[in-house]
Amino acid sequence: MNRLASEAEMSPSVVMRLEKGTAPVNVATLLRYARVLGVTVKALFDFAWDDDES
């Protein structure tokens, strides 16, 4: 997480809050994450979603 924070030019605490979903996210942040991870922004949202929470 520290490396991601450093390369994305964010503090580790901000990265932690973003990962937990407790901080607001904007397009610029998504673009920095994707650049550091070497993926597209679309890939950040490419996950299985189970909307049947019974």
N, C-alpha and C. Protein backbone atom coordinates (compact mmCIF):
# COMPACT_ATOMS: atom_id res chain seq x y z
N MET A 1 0.82 -1.18 0.00
CA MET A 1 0.00 0.00 0.00
C MET A 1 0.87 1.26 0.00
N ASN A 2 1.99 1.21 0.70
CA ASN A 2 2.88 2.37 0.72
C ASN A 2 3.45 2.67 -0.66
N ARG A 3 3.78 1.60 -1.41
CA ARG A 3 4.31 1.81 -2.76
C ARG A 3 3.25 2.42 -3.67
N LEU A 4 2.03 1.90 -3.60
CA LEU A 4 0.93 2.45 -4.39
C LEU A 4 0.73 3.92 -4.04
N ALA A 5 0.72 4.22 -2.76
CA ALA A 5 0.53 5.60 -2.31
C ALA A 5 1.64 6.49 -2.85
N SER A 6 2.86 6.04 -2.74
CA SER A 6 4.01 6.82 -3.19
C SER A 6 3.95 7.08 -4.69
N GLU A 7 3.71 6.02 -5.46
CA GLU A 7 3.70 6.16 -6.91
C GLU A 7 2.49 6.93 -7.41
N ALA A 8 1.39 6.87 -6.68
CA ALA A 8 0.18 7.61 -7.06
C ALA A 8 0.18 9.02 -6.46
N GLU A 9 1.24 9.35 -5.73
CA GLU A 9 1.39 10.66 -5.09
C GLU A 9 0.24 10.97 -4.14
N MET A 10 -0.05 9.99 -3.29
CA MET A 10 -1.07 10.12 -2.24
C MET A 10 -0.47 9.64 -0.94
N SER A 11 -1.08 10.03 0.15
CA SER A 11 -0.63 9.51 1.44
C SER A 11 -1.18 8.10 1.64
N PRO A 12 -0.46 7.28 2.40
CA PRO A 12 -0.97 5.93 2.68
C PRO A 12 -2.35 5.94 3.33
N SER A 13 -2.62 6.93 4.17
CA SER A 13 -3.94 6.97 4.83
C SER A 13 -5.05 7.23 3.82
N VAL A 14 -4.78 8.04 2.81
CA VAL A 14 -5.79 8.28 1.77
C VAL A 14 -6.03 7.00 0.98
N VAL A 15 -4.96 6.31 0.61
CA VAL A 15 -5.10 5.05 -0.12
C VAL A 15 -5.91 4.06 0.70
N MET A 16 -5.63 3.98 1.98
CA MET A 16 -6.36 3.05 2.85
C MET A 16 -7.85 3.39 2.88
N ARG A 17 -8.17 4.66 3.01
CA ARG A 17 -9.58 5.07 3.03
C ARG A 17 -10.26 4.82 1.70
N LEU A 18 -9.54 5.02 0.60
CA LEU A 18 -10.10 4.74 -0.72
C LEU A 18 -10.38 3.26 -0.88
N GLU A 19 -9.44 2.43 -0.44
CA GLU A 19 -9.61 0.98 -0.54
C GLU A 19 -10.78 0.48 0.30
N LYS A 20 -11.00 1.12 1.44
CA LYS A 20 -12.11 0.74 2.33
C LYS A 20 -13.44 1.32 1.87
N GLY A 21 -13.37 2.29 0.96
CA GLY A 21 -14.60 2.93 0.48
C GLY A 21 -15.10 4.02 1.40
N THR A 22 -14.21 4.56 2.23
CA THR A 22 -14.64 5.61 3.17
C THR A 22 -14.16 7.00 2.76
N ALA A 23 -13.57 7.11 1.57
CA ALA A 23 -13.13 8.41 1.06
C ALA A 23 -13.73 8.61 -0.32
N PRO A 24 -14.02 9.85 -0.67
CA PRO A 24 -14.56 10.10 -2.01
C PRO A 24 -13.50 9.83 -3.08
N VAL A 25 -13.95 9.36 -4.23
CA VAL A 25 -13.04 9.06 -5.33
C VAL A 25 -13.45 9.92 -6.52
N ASN A 26 -12.45 10.50 -7.17
CA ASN A 26 -12.74 11.26 -8.39
C ASN A 26 -12.00 10.62 -9.56
N VAL A 27 -12.26 11.11 -10.74
CA VAL A 27 -11.68 10.53 -11.94
C VAL A 27 -10.16 10.62 -11.92
N ALA A 28 -9.62 11.73 -11.44
CA ALA A 28 -8.17 11.89 -11.40
C ALA A 28 -7.53 10.80 -10.52
N THR A 29 -8.16 10.49 -9.40
CA THR A 29 -7.66 9.45 -8.52
C THR A 29 -7.69 8.09 -9.21
N LEU A 30 -8.79 7.80 -9.89
CA LEU A 30 -8.90 6.54 -10.62
C LEU A 30 -7.84 6.43 -11.70
N LEU A 31 -7.59 7.52 -12.39
CA LEU A 31 -6.56 7.52 -13.43
C LEU A 31 -5.18 7.26 -12.83
N ARG A 32 -4.89 7.85 -11.68
CA ARG A 32 -3.58 7.62 -11.03
C ARG A 32 -3.46 6.18 -10.57
N TYR A 33 -4.49 5.64 -9.95
CA TYR A 33 -4.48 4.23 -9.53
C TYR A 33 -4.20 3.33 -10.73
N ALA A 34 -4.96 3.53 -11.79
CA ALA A 34 -4.82 2.68 -12.97
C ALA A 34 -3.41 2.78 -13.55
N ARG A 35 -2.87 3.99 -13.63
CA ARG A 35 -1.53 4.18 -14.16
C ARG A 35 -0.50 3.43 -13.34
N VAL A 36 -0.57 3.56 -12.03
CA VAL A 36 0.39 2.89 -11.14
C VAL A 36 0.26 1.38 -11.24
N LEU A 37 -0.96 0.88 -11.34
CA LEU A 37 -1.19 -0.56 -11.40
C LEU A 37 -0.98 -1.13 -12.81
N GLY A 38 -0.86 -0.26 -13.80
CA GLY A 38 -0.65 -0.72 -15.17
C GLY A 38 -1.89 -1.32 -15.80
N VAL A 39 -3.06 -0.80 -15.42
CA VAL A 39 -4.32 -1.29 -15.97
C VAL A 39 -5.16 -0.11 -16.45
N THR A 40 -6.27 -0.42 -17.12
CA THR A 40 -7.20 0.64 -17.51
C THR A 40 -8.13 0.94 -16.34
N VAL A 41 -8.76 2.10 -16.38
CA VAL A 41 -9.75 2.44 -15.35
C VAL A 41 -10.88 1.42 -15.39
N LYS A 42 -11.26 0.99 -16.58
CA LYS A 42 -12.31 -0.02 -16.71
C LYS A 42 -11.95 -1.28 -15.94
N ALA A 43 -10.70 -1.68 -15.98
CA ALA A 43 -10.26 -2.89 -15.28
C ALA A 43 -10.44 -2.78 -13.77
N LEU A 44 -10.41 -1.56 -13.25
CA LEU A 44 -10.62 -1.37 -11.81
C LEU A 44 -12.02 -1.78 -11.38
N PHE A 45 -12.94 -1.76 -12.35
CA PHE A 45 -14.34 -2.08 -12.06
C PHE A 45 -14.76 -3.43 -12.61
N ASP A 46 -13.81 -4.19 -13.11
CA ASP A 46 -14.11 -5.49 -13.72
C ASP A 46 -14.04 -6.59 -12.66
N PHE A 47 -15.13 -6.77 -11.95
CA PHE A 47 -15.19 -7.79 -10.92
C PHE A 47 -16.60 -8.37 -10.88
N ALA A 48 -16.70 -9.55 -10.34
CA ALA A 48 -18.01 -10.20 -10.22
C ALA A 48 -18.85 -9.45 -9.19
N TRP A 49 -20.11 -9.29 -9.49
CA TRP A 49 -21.02 -8.58 -8.58
C TRP A 49 -22.18 -9.49 -8.25
N ASP A 50 -22.37 -9.74 -6.98
CA ASP A 50 -23.47 -10.58 -6.54
C ASP A 50 -24.52 -9.68 -5.90
N ASP A 51 -25.56 -9.36 -6.66
CA ASP A 51 -26.59 -8.47 -6.12
C ASP A 51 -27.72 -9.23 -5.43
N ASP A 52 -27.56 -10.52 -5.28
CA ASP A 52 -28.55 -11.34 -4.58
C ASP A 52 -28.04 -11.63 -3.17
N GLU A 53 -28.16 -10.64 -2.31
CA GLU A 53 -27.65 -10.79 -0.93
C GLU A 53 -28.78 -11.27 -0.02
N SER A 54 -29.16 -12.53 -0.17
CA SER A 54 -30.24 -13.09 0.66
C SER A 54 -29.68 -13.74 1.89
